[in-house]
């Protein structure tokens, strides 16, 4: 994991609400669905802001914020995916 990715994950976790409850084993699937829903919302908001900026309806500052938010969300999802693949590979290497 490179420094950029770990900083992205750290920044994302800091932006989440501190009052959010921790996931229990029973709600892991629900948490993953919520995480992916938030990811999709972030990308959709970024696309909408980009469209508005192209037509002149949004200021450049809002576009930069939307792009940064989208980049952070994508980096976070990529990091999670890499960790899942790494864990799966570790399981495959275990002797039976």
Foldseek 3Di string as FASTA:
>chain_A
DDPVLVVLQVVVVVPDDPPDDDDDPVCPVVVVVVLVVVLVVLVVVLVVQVVCVVVPNHDVVVNVVSVVSNVSSVSNVVVVVVVVVVVVVVVVPDDD
